[in-house]
Structures are given as C-alpha cells and as structure tokens.
C-alpha cells in the first residue's frame, strides 16, 4: 500500500470525527505528505538501519559503540549540533522558526538493551519477520526516529518549535533512566524542554500517560558465620533474610493504584556445611502512585529490620549479631501526564485519525522522569508489530503497509506537537 493511499485512509477516518480536526489538518499538510512519502520510498533503508543498530551490542552501561553509529545517522540526516553528551546520549537538533535558545520538543528512543555482553545479536529474517535480542525494545524506534529526521530535513519541513532528537542511554534495568535523568538535570537543554515524547515498543495505539515508579534494594545480611555442626545455635543471616521474604509477602497492597513487590535475586553463603557470614537478596517495589510506593517502601524496611531483630533474639549472638545493609539499586520516580494535557489530546487525535483506538496505559519508561517533574510527557510506539521483548527470540514484523501506518501516526504526533507548517 502506498503512502498516498494510507494518508487518504487516515483522512477519511479523521473527517468523520470533528474532534480530530487538528489531526486532520496536520495529516493533510503538504509537509506531512511529503515526509511520509519519502519514508515510504526509503522503507528498505529504515529496515537496514534497524538491522545495523540491532547487530551492535548495547548492554547497560556499554552503549558507546551503538551511540557512535547512531550519531553518524543523525549527522547524515542533516541535524544541527549533533553530539554525544557526557552521559552517553546522542543528541541532534532540528531548528524551528522560533528564536534560538527557546523551548524544545524531545523525541527519544533508548540505545540500551537488557542483554549482557556476549549475547548473540545477529538478526534472523523470515519474510518480513526479523528476530534478534533488542530488535523491538527499542532498536526499531531508533531507526524510525532517524528516518523522521532525514525525511523532514530533505523536505525542508518548517516547525514552530525546535525538535531535539535523542538516542538515550540507561533506560533498561540497572541503567535506572540515567540518560533521560541527565537530559533533564544536567544537559544544556534541561531548562528548555516543554514536551517529551518517548518512542518505545511497537504498538502505535498505546499512549503511556502513567509512569510506574519503582524502588529497588539489594539487602546484604551479615553475621559471625561458623561450622554448621560445631557452631550450631549461632545466629544465621540466611534466616533473617528468609524471614524478610516471607513477611514481605504478607503485606497487603492496593490494586488501584496498582502497587506490587517482589523478592527477586538471592545469593551468598560459603559451603553447604557452613553457617554463612554473608547473604544477599534483591527486592523490587512498584506503583503508579508516589504515595503508595513510599508506603510499601517503608513497610519493606520495617520487615527487613523485624527479620534481623527476630533472628538476633532467637539464637546466640555470642560471636556477633546479624545485621542488614540496605542499598538502593534502582529509583524510578512515579508520575503521570493528565489526560487533559495537550500532548495527550494530540496523540489521541492522531491515533484516532489513523483508524486505531487509543489506549491510555501506565508503564515504566523514560517518560517517568519528566512526568515526575511536571513536564508533559508520553510514550508511544514506533509502528508495526512485535513480541517476546526481553527474550532471545524477540521479533518485529516490517511488513510495509503496517509499518508505514504506525510510523505515520508517530510522525503526525511529532508534527502536531512541534507546530509543523
């Protein structure tokens, strides 16, 4: 299906709904039509970029090689002030008609994947289906954003507000949103960002308006240790740790706002015939609501201390007591963007104009940071379809009509947010 037919379908749907008048105007504009037409013609190049980036490993804190390639892509697109900042983010500016140094709209996708060094990342292709670790989360989005920048520059699209295209580090796991955190707290653009759009995953109907916050702890338990037979009766840090896990799962949390907890990783000990002198467990707590997250965090801390106190009271401390050291290993702030915010209305209108039904959801994405700061932010999909994210058999489908339709929705949201003319 050609881009002209897809745009015609989008406009036909939009025309039936007066509330989508703004979306209709954006999608009917000459700049939008020219840009999506070029993306249509360059669809194979977009797919090639997906493959190129996917096959460059980007484990957490090791995104530099992929960042260098992405920087070259943004330079080739013709963006201004292309750089890799102090945290490792790739930045490129598309100048609008407003005076230099004014507000910016950010469109970002993350460079990192969840997969450790050594994971095979060769892309496997069966028809239009591409499979490889990280290909959908979030490599496809990186290639789509580069395609937007390239096509907009080639067609001299005029926008009112500067657009900052970003490939950021540190979205996954231990990265703890460090890339976007840097963007909003220490980058040269930190006081200029008025709207933030993250592109993550493929579902073009999804609008993430709620940022699920999380607190993650590694709790290290220590004790005197000793021979399992000869020192029997001494306090055991393993017991205190186990008690904390058991008691944590007795805590009742609200279903709305959804609040969760998990005891997730465990380790330690010396040998099967030794009372351990050190063990550890990692814990994860999440909520859509900052207050609910704070409450479950305090309950968790109380559970840890109660487990320590219980073990020290139950067994001998003649060689020393059990203690617990709590270390924060993840802190993602919760937040939200109101459904009444302009950027949500824009996304809703464009998605409806594209013939899809918008779905407002909560998730943990790079948008958590601006949401927590009160800056309007959403996360959207890059189009097409995919599945098995965070697995070795992760996949996307690059069938052209579905891909182009999804890319067209994201482009429409960007055009409307930046005041394209």
Protein backbone atom coordinates (compact mmCIF):
# COMPACT_ATOMS: atom_id res chain seq x y z
CA UNK A 1 0.00 0.00 0.00
CA UNK A 2 1.44 3.39 -0.99
CA UNK A 3 1.82 6.35 1.34
CA UNK A 4 -0.85 8.28 -0.59
CA UNK A 5 -3.41 5.54 -0.02
CA UNK A 6 -2.53 5.32 3.68
CA UNK A 7 -2.85 9.10 4.11
CA UNK A 8 -6.17 9.01 2.23
CA UNK A 9 -7.46 6.34 4.62
CA UNK A 10 -6.30 8.32 7.65
CA UNK A 11 -8.01 11.47 6.39
CA UNK A 12 -11.24 9.62 5.66
CA UNK A 13 -11.41 8.39 9.24
CA UNK A 14 -10.45 11.79 10.64
CA UNK A 15 -13.09 13.59 8.57
CA UNK A 16 -15.78 11.54 10.28
CA UNK A 17 -14.87 12.94 13.69
CA UNK A 18 -14.96 16.69 14.19
CA UNK A 19 -12.85 16.42 17.36
CA UNK A 20 -9.96 15.24 15.20
CA UNK A 21 -9.94 18.43 13.12
CA UNK A 22 -6.45 19.40 14.24
CA UNK A 23 -5.10 15.93 13.47
CA UNK A 24 -6.79 16.06 10.09
CA UNK A 25 -5.15 19.40 9.29
CA UNK A 26 -1.71 18.13 10.29
CA UNK A 27 -2.01 14.93 8.27
CA UNK A 28 -3.31 16.84 5.27
CA UNK A 29 -0.45 19.34 5.29
CA UNK A 30 1.99 19.33 2.37
CA UNK A 31 4.95 18.88 4.72
CA UNK A 32 3.48 15.78 6.32
CA UNK A 33 2.52 14.28 2.96
CA UNK A 34 5.99 14.86 1.53
CA UNK A 35 7.71 13.47 4.63
CA UNK A 36 5.65 10.27 4.84
CA UNK A 37 6.05 9.78 1.09
CA UNK A 38 9.82 9.85 1.47
CA UNK A 39 9.69 7.42 4.40
CA UNK A 40 7.58 5.19 2.15
CA UNK A 41 10.24 5.32 -0.58
CA UNK A 42 13.02 4.68 1.96
CA UNK A 43 11.31 1.88 3.86
CA UNK A 44 14.07 -0.58 2.95
CA UNK A 45 16.64 1.85 4.33
CA UNK A 46 14.72 2.03 7.61
CA UNK A 47 14.81 -1.77 7.80
CA UNK A 48 18.54 -1.77 7.03
CA UNK A 49 19.10 0.75 9.85
CA UNK A 50 17.16 -1.49 12.25
CA UNK A 51 19.41 -4.41 11.36
CA UNK A 52 22.61 -2.34 11.57
CA UNK A 53 21.80 -1.00 15.03
CA UNK A 54 20.47 -4.29 16.38
CA UNK A 55 23.71 -6.07 15.50
CA UNK A 56 25.74 -3.61 17.59
CA UNK A 57 25.54 -4.91 21.18
CA UNK A 58 24.37 -2.31 23.70
CA UNK A 59 24.26 -3.83 27.20
CA UNK A 60 23.53 -1.45 30.08
CA UNK A 61 26.47 0.95 30.55
CA UNK A 62 28.07 -0.32 27.32
CA UNK A 63 26.12 1.62 24.70
CA UNK A 64 29.09 3.57 23.27
CA UNK A 65 29.55 1.61 20.03
CA UNK A 66 25.88 1.83 19.13
CA UNK A 67 25.85 5.50 20.13
CA UNK A 68 28.69 6.25 17.72
CA UNK A 69 26.81 4.68 14.83
CA UNK A 70 23.62 6.47 15.77
CA UNK A 71 25.44 9.77 15.96
CA UNK A 72 26.58 9.22 12.36
CA UNK A 73 22.97 8.52 11.32
CA UNK A 74 21.75 11.80 12.83
CA UNK A 75 24.63 13.69 11.23
CA UNK A 76 23.76 12.16 7.84
CA UNK A 77 20.15 13.20 8.40
CA UNK A 78 21.35 16.82 8.47
CA UNK A 79 20.54 17.72 12.07
CA UNK A 80 22.39 20.52 13.83
CA UNK A 81 24.56 20.34 16.96
CA UNK A 82 24.81 16.55 16.79
CA UNK A 83 26.76 15.28 19.79
CA UNK A 84 27.25 12.55 22.35
CA UNK A 85 26.80 14.18 25.73
CA UNK A 86 28.62 13.48 29.00
CA UNK A 87 26.24 10.64 29.93
CA UNK A 88 26.45 8.98 26.51
CA UNK A 89 23.18 10.23 24.96
CA UNK A 90 23.14 11.04 21.25
CA UNK A 91 21.53 14.42 20.55
CA UNK A 92 20.63 16.20 17.32
CA UNK A 93 18.66 19.44 16.90
CA UNK A 94 16.07 20.24 14.24
CA UNK A 95 15.68 24.02 14.26
CA UNK A 96 12.24 25.58 14.26
CA UNK A 97 11.18 29.08 13.33
CA UNK A 98 11.16 30.34 16.94
CA UNK A 99 14.21 32.27 18.19
CA UNK A 100 17.26 30.16 19.01
CA UNK A 101 17.51 29.00 22.60
CA UNK A 102 13.75 28.70 23.08
CA UNK A 103 11.57 25.71 24.01
CA UNK A 104 12.18 22.28 22.52
CA UNK A 105 10.10 19.18 21.92
CA UNK A 106 12.06 15.98 22.57
CA UNK A 107 11.56 12.75 20.63
CA UNK A 108 13.67 9.99 22.20
CA UNK A 109 14.33 6.25 21.98
CA UNK A 110 16.74 4.28 24.13
CA UNK A 111 20.02 2.82 22.91
CA UNK A 112 20.46 0.14 25.56
CA UNK A 113 19.05 -3.38 25.72
CA UNK A 114 18.64 -5.77 28.65
CA UNK A 115 21.03 -8.34 27.24
CA UNK A 116 24.52 -8.89 28.73
CA UNK A 117 27.82 -8.81 26.88
CA UNK A 118 28.25 -11.86 24.69
CA UNK A 119 24.59 -12.30 23.77
CA UNK A 120 24.31 -13.23 20.04
CA UNK A 121 22.58 -10.34 18.27
CA UNK A 122 22.67 -11.45 14.63
CA UNK A 123 19.32 -10.66 13.03
CA UNK A 124 17.40 -13.63 11.60
CA UNK A 125 14.93 -12.89 8.81
CA UNK A 126 11.93 -14.94 7.70
CA UNK A 127 9.90 -12.99 5.14
CA UNK A 128 9.04 -9.68 6.82
CA UNK A 129 9.70 -11.02 10.31
CA UNK A 130 13.03 -10.05 11.90
CA UNK A 131 14.23 -11.73 15.10
CA UNK A 132 17.06 -10.75 17.45
CA UNK A 133 17.50 -9.65 21.07
CA UNK A 134 16.55 -5.99 21.46
CA UNK A 135 15.21 -5.51 17.95
CA UNK A 136 11.85 -4.20 19.12
CA UNK A 137 12.85 -2.81 22.51
CA UNK A 138 14.00 -0.36 21.46
CA UNK A 139 16.11 -0.54 18.29
CA UNK A 140 13.28 -0.20 15.82
CA UNK A 141 12.32 3.12 17.42
CA UNK A 142 15.85 4.46 16.95
CA UNK A 143 15.72 3.75 13.21
CA UNK A 144 12.25 5.28 12.89
CA UNK A 145 13.32 8.48 14.63
CA UNK A 146 16.34 8.78 12.34
CA UNK A 147 14.02 8.29 9.35
CA UNK A 148 11.78 11.13 10.57
CA UNK A 149 14.74 13.49 10.89
CA UNK A 150 16.15 12.54 7.50
CA UNK A 151 12.84 12.95 5.65
CA UNK A 152 11.93 16.20 7.41
CA UNK A 153 15.27 17.77 6.54
CA UNK A 154 15.09 16.56 2.95
CA UNK A 155 11.66 18.13 2.53
CA UNK A 156 12.52 21.33 4.42
CA UNK A 157 9.62 20.92 6.82
CA UNK A 158 9.04 24.06 8.88
CA UNK A 159 8.20 23.63 12.56
CA UNK A 160 7.49 26.31 15.11
CA UNK A 161 9.36 24.68 17.98
CA UNK A 162 12.83 23.16 17.93
CA UNK A 163 12.88 19.36 17.99
CA UNK A 164 15.61 17.52 19.86
CA UNK A 165 16.07 14.02 18.50
CA UNK A 166 17.62 11.76 21.16
CA UNK A 167 19.07 8.27 21.38
CA UNK A 168 19.45 7.92 25.13
CA UNK A 169 21.34 5.51 27.35
CA UNK A 170 20.25 3.78 30.53
CA UNK A 171 16.54 3.02 30.17
CA UNK A 172 16.73 -0.67 30.98
CA UNK A 173 17.21 -2.30 34.39
CA UNK A 174 20.29 -1.05 36.22
CA UNK A 175 20.52 1.94 33.91
CA UNK A 176 17.79 3.46 36.10
CA UNK A 177 16.82 6.09 33.48
CA UNK A 178 20.25 7.69 33.78
CA UNK A 179 20.23 9.06 30.23
CA UNK A 180 16.97 10.97 30.47
CA UNK A 181 17.72 11.88 34.09
CA UNK A 182 20.89 13.60 32.80
CA UNK A 183 18.94 15.27 30.00
CA UNK A 184 16.57 16.91 32.49
CA UNK A 185 19.04 17.72 35.25
CA UNK A 186 22.47 18.45 33.75
CA UNK A 187 22.28 18.84 29.97
CA UNK A 188 22.34 22.15 28.14
CA UNK A 189 18.68 21.55 27.19
CA UNK A 190 17.44 20.88 30.72
CA UNK A 191 15.52 24.16 31.09
CA UNK A 192 14.22 24.25 27.52
CA UNK A 193 12.22 21.02 27.29
CA UNK A 194 8.48 21.75 27.17
CA UNK A 195 7.22 18.42 25.82
CA UNK A 196 8.80 14.96 25.93
CA UNK A 197 7.85 12.05 23.66
CA UNK A 198 9.48 8.69 24.19
CA UNK A 199 9.17 6.06 21.46
CA UNK A 200 9.41 2.60 22.98
CA UNK A 201 7.95 -0.63 21.62
CA UNK A 202 5.79 -1.03 18.53
CA UNK A 203 2.11 -0.57 19.45
CA UNK A 204 1.00 2.62 17.70
CA UNK A 205 -2.31 2.71 19.61
CA UNK A 206 -0.72 2.83 23.06
CA UNK A 207 -0.20 6.13 24.89
CA UNK A 208 1.72 5.81 28.15
CA UNK A 209 0.41 8.58 30.39
CA UNK A 210 1.25 6.99 33.75
CA UNK A 211 4.80 6.45 34.94
CA UNK A 212 5.10 3.38 37.16
CA UNK A 213 7.67 4.27 39.80
CA UNK A 214 9.97 1.72 41.37
CA UNK A 215 12.28 1.30 44.33
CA UNK A 216 14.86 -1.48 44.18
CA UNK A 217 17.09 -2.61 47.01
CA UNK A 218 19.94 -5.02 47.48
CA UNK A 219 19.95 -6.07 51.14
CA UNK A 220 23.19 -7.63 52.37
CA UNK A 221 22.89 -9.66 55.58
CA UNK A 222 25.99 -10.34 57.67
CA UNK A 223 26.70 -12.47 60.74
CA UNK A 224 29.55 -14.26 62.51
CA UNK A 225 29.30 -17.45 60.44
CA UNK A 226 30.70 -20.76 61.56
CA UNK A 227 30.64 -24.53 61.15
CA UNK A 228 27.16 -25.88 60.54
CA UNK A 229 27.67 -28.56 63.22
CA UNK A 230 30.25 -27.14 65.59
CA UNK A 231 28.73 -23.64 65.74
CA UNK A 232 25.13 -24.74 65.64
CA UNK A 233 22.96 -22.34 67.60
CA UNK A 234 24.63 -19.15 66.41
CA UNK A 235 22.57 -16.55 64.59
CA UNK A 236 22.28 -17.11 60.85
CA UNK A 237 21.85 -14.25 58.35
CA UNK A 238 20.13 -16.66 55.98
CA UNK A 239 17.26 -17.00 58.44
CA UNK A 240 16.80 -13.23 58.80
CA UNK A 241 16.84 -12.87 55.04
CA UNK A 242 14.33 -15.68 54.54
CA UNK A 243 12.04 -14.21 57.18
CA UNK A 244 12.05 -10.87 55.38
CA UNK A 245 10.94 -12.55 52.15
CA UNK A 246 8.16 -14.41 53.92
CA UNK A 247 6.92 -11.35 55.79
CA UNK A 248 7.09 -9.13 52.71
CA UNK A 249 4.54 -11.36 51.03
CA UNK A 250 2.12 -10.83 53.92
CA UNK A 251 1.84 -7.13 53.10
CA UNK A 252 -1.46 -6.09 51.53
CA UNK A 253 -1.10 -3.50 48.77
CA UNK A 254 -3.79 -1.63 46.82
CA UNK A 255 -4.96 -2.86 43.44
CA UNK A 256 -5.72 0.73 42.49
CA UNK A 257 -3.33 2.42 42.19
CA UNK A 258 -1.65 -0.84 41.24
CA UNK A 259 1.21 -1.48 43.67
CA UNK A 260 3.49 -4.52 43.67
CA UNK A 261 6.57 -6.03 45.28
CA UNK A 262 8.94 -8.91 44.58
CA UNK A 263 11.85 -10.74 46.19
CA UNK A 264 13.80 -11.43 43.04
CA UNK A 265 17.50 -12.30 43.30
CA UNK A 266 19.32 -14.18 46.07
CA UNK A 267 22.86 -15.33 46.78
CA UNK A 268 25.62 -15.82 49.34
CA UNK A 269 26.95 -18.48 51.65
CA UNK A 270 30.30 -20.31 51.76
CA UNK A 271 29.58 -24.02 51.65
CA UNK A 272 26.84 -26.49 52.42
CA UNK A 273 28.41 -27.23 55.83
CA UNK A 274 28.84 -23.62 56.95
CA UNK A 275 26.60 -21.07 58.59
CA UNK A 276 27.02 -18.18 56.13
CA UNK A 277 28.64 -14.97 57.23
CA UNK A 278 27.04 -13.08 54.33
CA UNK A 279 23.97 -13.44 52.13
CA UNK A 280 22.02 -11.02 49.95
CA UNK A 281 18.62 -10.61 48.37
CA UNK A 282 17.30 -8.05 45.89
CA UNK A 283 13.81 -6.60 46.12
CA UNK A 284 11.63 -4.66 43.69
CA UNK A 285 8.64 -2.45 44.58
CA UNK A 286 6.46 -0.59 42.08
CA UNK A 287 3.43 1.66 41.97
CA UNK A 288 1.70 4.15 39.71
CA UNK A 289 1.30 6.43 42.74
CA UNK A 290 4.25 8.06 44.57
CA UNK A 291 2.45 7.91 47.92
CA UNK A 292 1.62 4.22 47.61
CA UNK A 293 5.20 3.48 46.57
CA UNK A 294 6.54 5.35 49.61
CA UNK A 295 4.24 3.41 51.92
CA UNK A 296 5.21 -0.02 50.64
CA UNK A 297 8.88 1.01 50.80
CA UNK A 298 8.53 1.89 54.50
CA UNK A 299 6.73 -1.40 55.16
CA UNK A 300 9.55 -3.24 53.40
CA UNK A 301 12.19 -1.56 55.53
CA UNK A 302 10.28 -2.48 58.67
CA UNK A 303 10.07 -6.10 57.51
CA UNK A 304 13.84 -6.23 56.98
CA UNK A 305 14.54 -4.85 60.44
CA UNK A 306 11.99 -7.19 62.05
CA UNK A 307 13.68 -10.19 60.44
CA UNK A 308 17.05 -9.12 61.85
CA UNK A 309 15.65 -8.47 65.31
CA UNK A 310 13.82 -11.79 65.33
CA UNK A 311 16.93 -13.79 64.45
CA UNK A 312 19.11 -11.99 67.00
CA UNK A 313 16.50 -12.77 69.66
CA UNK A 314 16.07 -16.40 68.64
CA UNK A 315 19.70 -17.60 68.60
CA UNK A 316 23.04 -16.94 70.23
CA UNK A 317 24.86 -13.69 69.49
CA UNK A 318 27.98 -14.60 71.49
CA UNK A 319 30.13 -14.34 68.32
CA UNK A 320 28.29 -11.34 66.95
CA UNK A 321 24.87 -10.26 65.72
CA UNK A 322 23.12 -10.43 62.37
CA UNK A 323 22.87 -7.07 60.59
CA UNK A 324 21.31 -5.88 57.34
CA UNK A 325 22.67 -3.22 54.99
CA UNK A 326 20.13 -1.76 52.58
CA UNK A 327 21.47 -0.33 49.32
CA UNK A 328 19.25 1.38 46.76
CA UNK A 329 19.98 -0.10 43.33
CA UNK A 330 17.05 1.46 41.47
CA UNK A 331 14.92 4.56 41.97
CA UNK A 332 12.45 5.45 39.24
CA UNK A 333 10.05 8.21 40.24
CA UNK A 334 6.35 7.72 39.67
CA UNK A 335 4.34 10.36 37.85
CA UNK A 336 1.66 10.98 35.28
CA UNK A 337 0.58 13.24 32.47
CA UNK A 338 -3.07 14.28 32.76
CA UNK A 339 -5.44 13.01 30.09
CA UNK A 340 -6.34 16.68 29.53
CA UNK A 341 -2.76 17.66 28.61
CA UNK A 342 -2.24 18.99 25.09
CA UNK A 343 0.23 16.25 24.14
CA UNK A 344 -2.26 13.54 25.16
CA UNK A 345 -5.02 15.20 23.16
CA UNK A 346 -2.68 15.43 20.18
CA UNK A 347 -1.72 11.76 20.38
CA UNK A 348 -5.33 10.71 20.90
CA UNK A 349 -6.49 12.68 17.86
CA UNK A 350 -3.77 11.43 15.53
CA UNK A 351 -4.21 7.80 16.61
CA UNK A 352 -7.97 8.04 16.04
CA UNK A 353 -7.31 9.70 12.71
CA UNK A 354 -5.18 6.69 11.87
CA UNK A 355 -8.11 4.38 12.43
CA UNK A 356 -6.91 2.96 15.75
CA UNK A 357 -8.40 3.15 19.23
CA UNK A 358 -6.08 4.95 21.68
CA UNK A 359 -5.23 3.10 24.87
CA UNK A 360 -4.06 5.15 27.85
CA UNK A 361 -1.81 2.95 29.99
CA UNK A 362 0.78 3.11 32.76
CA UNK A 363 4.27 1.72 32.34
CA UNK A 364 7.86 2.31 33.41
CA UNK A 365 9.62 4.22 30.63
CA UNK A 366 11.91 7.17 30.09
CA UNK A 367 8.84 9.39 30.43
CA UNK A 368 8.86 8.74 34.20
CA UNK A 369 11.49 11.44 34.67
CA UNK A 370 9.67 14.36 33.01
CA UNK A 371 6.33 13.18 34.43
CA UNK A 372 7.79 13.35 37.94
CA UNK A 373 8.95 16.91 37.20
CA UNK A 374 5.53 18.01 35.97
CA UNK A 375 6.65 18.26 32.34
CA UNK A 376 4.09 16.90 29.82
CA UNK A 377 5.35 13.53 28.56
CA UNK A 378 4.03 10.44 26.83
CA UNK A 379 5.47 7.23 25.43
CA UNK A 380 4.25 5.94 22.06
CA UNK A 381 5.03 3.01 19.76
CA UNK A 382 7.04 3.02 16.54
CA UNK A 383 4.51 1.04 14.49
CA UNK A 384 4.13 -2.40 13.02
CA UNK A 385 4.02 -5.37 15.35
CA UNK A 386 6.39 -7.33 17.54
CA UNK A 387 6.66 -9.62 20.52
CA UNK A 388 8.78 -11.54 23.02
CA UNK A 389 10.52 -8.40 24.29
CA UNK A 390 13.43 -9.06 26.67
CA UNK A 391 13.82 -12.60 25.30
CA UNK A 392 16.39 -14.13 22.95
CA UNK A 393 13.68 -14.71 20.34
CA UNK A 394 12.37 -11.13 20.35
CA UNK A 395 10.84 -10.22 16.99
CA UNK A 396 9.27 -7.48 14.90
CA UNK A 397 7.40 -7.54 11.60
CA UNK A 398 8.45 -4.99 8.99
CA UNK A 399 5.56 -5.59 6.59
CA UNK A 400 5.50 -2.26 4.78
CA UNK A 401 1.82 -1.20 4.99
CA UNK A 402 1.55 -1.86 8.73
CA UNK A 403 4.96 -0.35 9.43
CA UNK A 404 4.24 2.77 7.39
CA UNK A 405 0.87 3.27 9.06
CA UNK A 406 2.44 3.12 12.51
CA UNK A 407 5.31 5.39 11.52
CA UNK A 408 2.79 7.81 10.05
CA UNK A 409 0.97 8.06 13.39
CA UNK A 410 4.17 8.82 15.30
CA UNK A 411 5.16 11.38 12.70
CA UNK A 412 1.76 13.05 12.94
CA UNK A 413 2.09 13.32 16.72
CA UNK A 414 5.53 14.90 16.33
CA UNK A 415 4.31 17.35 13.67
CA UNK A 416 1.40 18.48 15.81
CA UNK A 417 3.50 18.79 18.98
CA UNK A 418 6.16 20.88 17.24
CA UNK A 419 3.73 23.07 15.29
CA UNK A 420 4.73 21.87 11.83
CA UNK A 421 3.58 24.09 8.99
